[in-house]
Amino acid sequence: MKKFWIILLIVLAGCGFRATRDILPVTDPDMTILPRVKGIADTKDSISVVVVPLPDVKELDAFGVIIANETSHLISFSKEDCMLIQSGEVRLPMTDTQVYKRLGSSYKPSMPGGLNMDIYGWRQSVNLRSSRGLEGMDKDKRITIMGNAKEKLFLFFKTRDDTSPMQFRIQNIQNEATKRRTWFSFKFTVKKS
């Protein structure tokens, strides 16, 4: 009987004592809420960005990001230009090695179902753009997106045991022809479920 209680305690500790959190977008009149996936989208300087919390990842604050370059020029940014701010603390994305240690090397992130429908309803042209994949980062770890193309990336941040609102920022997306820099800021609330 004692073994039963020990096994039950281990199972409960692994699955139930830590409450899951829902990350929900904050409505902003200048941005579009993507209702099926609880994401948010915005366009500035002919650059469209979609940010979606990944509901299948409970161990980390995880986001899927699509950046669509609607200009005819190259744009570039660094993963380190992305940050999550919560309770005044700035968190940078975890490295791939840190994510694999936390989630396992077999974990393959994916965007939530329904995202293409949400994007289609917001800005159909984003879905129609092609992607070359992110294998081609340069030695400075800058991500370059060709004109009239899009890229998808997944960013993971260490989770805080906090339900304070959070702000997801992408800074310094640079148009390589004009050298103009664009930044995006998306707000989310956090609720325990």
Protein backbone atom coordinates (compact mmCIF):
# COMPACT_ATOMS: atom_id res chain seq x y z
CA MET A 1 0.00 0.00 0.00
CA LYS A 2 2.91 2.33 0.75
CA LYS A 3 4.26 1.84 -2.81
CA PHE A 4 0.88 2.87 -4.20
CA TRP A 5 0.97 6.22 -2.38
CA ILE A 6 4.56 6.87 -3.49
CA ILE A 7 3.71 6.12 -7.13
CA LEU A 8 0.58 8.28 -6.92
CA LEU A 9 2.58 11.15 -5.44
CA ILE A 10 5.17 10.91 -8.24
CA VAL A 11 2.46 10.86 -10.91
CA LEU A 12 0.67 13.85 -9.38
CA ALA A 13 3.90 15.79 -8.99
CA GLY A 14 4.75 15.19 -12.63
CA CYS A 15 1.39 16.13 -14.08
CA GLY A 16 -0.82 18.02 -11.76
CA PHE A 17 0.64 20.08 -8.98
CA ARG A 18 2.05 22.70 -11.32
CA ALA A 19 -0.90 24.57 -12.78
CA THR A 20 -0.81 25.24 -16.48
CA ARG A 21 -0.98 28.77 -17.78
CA ASP A 22 -2.85 30.28 -20.67
CA ILE A 23 -1.10 33.10 -22.51
CA LEU A 24 -3.72 35.32 -24.16
CA PRO A 25 -3.26 38.36 -26.43
CA VAL A 26 -4.25 41.82 -25.24
CA THR A 27 -6.57 43.67 -27.60
CA ASP A 28 -4.97 46.66 -29.30
CA PRO A 29 -6.82 48.79 -31.89
CA ASP A 30 -3.79 48.80 -34.20
CA MET A 31 -3.30 45.03 -34.15
CA THR A 32 -5.31 41.99 -35.15
CA ILE A 33 -6.23 39.22 -32.72
CA LEU A 34 -6.12 35.74 -34.24
CA PRO A 35 -9.01 34.10 -32.35
CA ARG A 36 -8.54 30.41 -33.25
CA VAL A 37 -4.93 30.27 -32.05
CA LYS A 38 -4.98 33.10 -29.46
CA GLY A 39 -2.28 34.95 -31.35
CA ILE A 40 -1.75 38.52 -32.45
CA ALA A 41 -0.56 40.11 -35.70
CA ASP A 42 0.64 43.50 -36.91
CA THR A 43 2.14 45.17 -39.99
CA LYS A 44 4.62 48.05 -40.06
CA ASP A 45 6.86 49.30 -42.87
CA SER A 46 5.63 46.47 -45.15
CA ILE A 47 6.73 43.83 -42.63
CA SER A 48 4.02 41.59 -41.15
CA VAL A 49 4.57 39.71 -37.91
CA VAL A 50 2.42 37.03 -36.31
CA VAL A 51 3.10 35.85 -32.74
CA VAL A 52 1.33 32.78 -31.37
CA PRO A 53 1.79 31.16 -27.93
CA LEU A 54 2.41 27.42 -28.32
CA PRO A 55 -0.19 25.67 -26.14
CA ASP A 56 1.48 22.25 -26.33
CA VAL A 57 4.58 23.44 -24.43
CA LYS A 58 3.90 23.69 -20.69
CA GLU A 59 7.48 23.66 -19.38
CA LEU A 60 8.51 26.93 -21.06
CA ASP A 61 6.98 30.12 -22.40
CA ALA A 62 6.99 29.20 -26.09
CA PHE A 63 6.00 31.27 -29.11
CA GLY A 64 5.74 30.63 -32.81
CA VAL A 65 6.64 33.68 -34.91
CA ILE A 66 6.04 34.32 -38.59
CA ILE A 67 7.74 37.30 -40.19
CA ALA A 68 6.63 38.17 -43.72
CA ASN A 69 8.76 40.56 -45.74
CA GLU A 70 6.39 42.38 -48.07
CA THR A 71 9.12 44.65 -49.44
CA SER A 72 11.34 43.90 -52.42
CA HIS A 73 14.50 44.24 -50.28
CA LEU A 74 16.22 41.91 -47.83
CA ILE A 75 15.40 42.35 -44.15
CA SER A 76 17.42 40.90 -41.29
CA PHE A 77 17.35 40.54 -37.53
CA SER A 78 18.93 38.46 -34.81
CA LYS A 79 17.19 35.98 -32.49
CA GLU A 80 18.70 38.01 -29.66
CA ASP A 81 16.63 40.97 -30.88
CA CYS A 82 13.58 39.11 -29.53
CA MET A 83 12.74 39.34 -25.85
CA LEU A 84 10.01 38.64 -23.34
CA ILE A 85 9.41 41.20 -20.59
CA GLN A 86 7.44 40.26 -17.49
CA SER A 87 7.40 42.03 -14.10
CA GLY A 88 10.24 44.25 -15.26
CA GLU A 89 12.51 41.27 -16.05
CA VAL A 90 13.85 40.94 -19.58
CA ARG A 91 14.28 37.37 -20.79
CA LEU A 92 16.12 36.47 -23.97
CA PRO A 93 15.35 33.32 -25.97
CA MET A 94 16.93 30.08 -24.81
CA THR A 95 19.53 28.45 -27.02
CA ASP A 96 18.62 25.35 -29.00
CA THR A 97 20.77 23.27 -26.64
CA GLN A 98 18.87 24.57 -23.59
CA VAL A 99 15.52 23.86 -25.25
CA TYR A 100 16.55 20.29 -26.19
CA LYS A 101 17.72 19.64 -22.62
CA ARG A 102 14.37 20.82 -21.31
CA LEU A 103 11.99 19.33 -23.90
CA GLY A 104 14.05 16.43 -25.26
CA SER A 105 15.91 16.20 -28.54
CA SER A 106 12.94 14.54 -30.27
CA TYR A 107 10.65 17.55 -29.71
CA LYS A 108 9.68 19.24 -32.98
CA PRO A 109 7.75 22.49 -32.54
CA SER A 110 4.77 23.24 -34.74
CA MET A 111 2.29 26.04 -35.14
CA PRO A 112 -1.18 25.49 -33.68
CA GLY A 113 -3.92 24.22 -35.97
CA GLY A 114 -6.13 26.94 -37.39
CA LEU A 115 -3.32 29.46 -37.81
CA ASN A 116 -3.51 29.49 -41.61
CA MET A 117 -7.25 30.20 -41.40
CA ASP A 118 -6.67 33.08 -38.96
CA ILE A 119 -3.93 34.54 -41.16
CA TYR A 120 -6.08 34.11 -44.28
CA GLY A 121 -8.83 36.14 -42.62
CA TRP A 122 -6.36 38.86 -41.61
CA ARG A 123 -3.90 39.14 -44.50
CA GLN A 124 -4.13 36.50 -47.19
CA SER A 125 -0.84 37.57 -48.82
CA VAL A 126 1.14 36.30 -45.79
CA ASN A 127 -0.01 32.72 -46.44
CA LEU A 128 0.93 32.97 -50.10
CA ARG A 129 4.57 33.94 -49.49
CA SER A 130 7.24 31.27 -49.76
CA SER A 131 9.86 30.33 -47.17
CA ARG A 132 13.42 29.13 -47.71
CA GLY A 133 13.86 27.83 -44.15
CA LEU A 134 16.20 29.17 -41.51
CA GLU A 135 19.17 26.92 -42.25
CA GLY A 136 20.98 29.85 -43.89
CA MET A 137 21.91 32.04 -40.93
CA ASP A 138 25.12 33.97 -41.35
CA LYS A 139 28.09 33.84 -38.96
CA ASP A 140 26.70 36.77 -36.94
CA LYS A 141 23.55 34.68 -36.34
CA ARG A 142 21.44 37.15 -38.25
CA ILE A 143 18.34 35.82 -39.91
CA THR A 144 17.84 37.21 -43.40
CA ILE A 145 14.47 37.15 -45.14
CA MET A 146 14.41 37.74 -48.87
CA GLY A 147 12.00 40.22 -50.43
CA ASN A 148 8.43 38.93 -50.77
CA ALA A 149 9.16 35.89 -48.58
CA LYS A 150 8.34 34.79 -45.04
CA GLU A 151 10.09 32.81 -42.32
CA LYS A 152 8.83 30.92 -39.30
CA LEU A 153 10.76 30.55 -36.08
CA PHE A 154 10.08 29.21 -32.61
CA LEU A 155 11.30 31.00 -29.50
CA PHE A 156 11.41 29.53 -26.00
CA PHE A 157 11.85 31.42 -22.74
CA LYS A 158 12.32 30.19 -19.19
CA THR A 159 8.95 30.25 -17.43
CA ARG A 160 8.38 32.42 -14.40
CA ASP A 161 5.86 31.38 -11.77
CA ASP A 162 4.07 34.64 -12.37
CA THR A 163 0.75 35.72 -13.84
CA SER A 164 1.80 39.30 -14.54
CA PRO A 165 1.17 40.58 -18.06
CA MET A 166 4.00 39.98 -20.54
CA GLN A 167 5.30 41.86 -23.51
CA PHE A 168 6.88 40.08 -26.49
CA ARG A 169 9.24 42.36 -28.44
CA ILE A 170 11.10 42.02 -31.71
CA GLN A 171 13.57 44.84 -32.09
CA ASN A 172 15.79 45.95 -34.91
CA ILE A 173 14.34 44.29 -37.99
CA GLN A 174 16.51 46.06 -40.53
CA ASN A 175 15.70 46.78 -44.15
CA GLU A 176 19.07 46.10 -45.77
CA ALA A 177 18.51 48.59 -48.63
CA THR A 178 17.28 51.59 -46.63
CA LYS A 179 18.89 50.66 -43.26
CA ARG A 180 15.56 51.53 -41.63
CA ARG A 181 14.89 49.63 -38.41
CA THR A 182 11.43 48.44 -37.40
CA TRP A 183 10.35 46.96 -34.08
CA PHE A 184 7.20 45.23 -32.87
CA SER A 185 5.72 44.87 -29.41
CA PHE A 186 2.89 42.49 -28.50
CA LYS A 187 1.16 42.31 -25.11
CA PHE A 188 -0.23 39.18 -23.49
CA THR A 189 -2.02 38.37 -20.25
CA VAL A 190 -1.26 35.22 -18.30
CA LYS A 191 -4.00 33.20 -16.59
CA LYS A 192 -3.68 30.03 -14.58
CA SER A 193 -5.95 27.30 -15.88
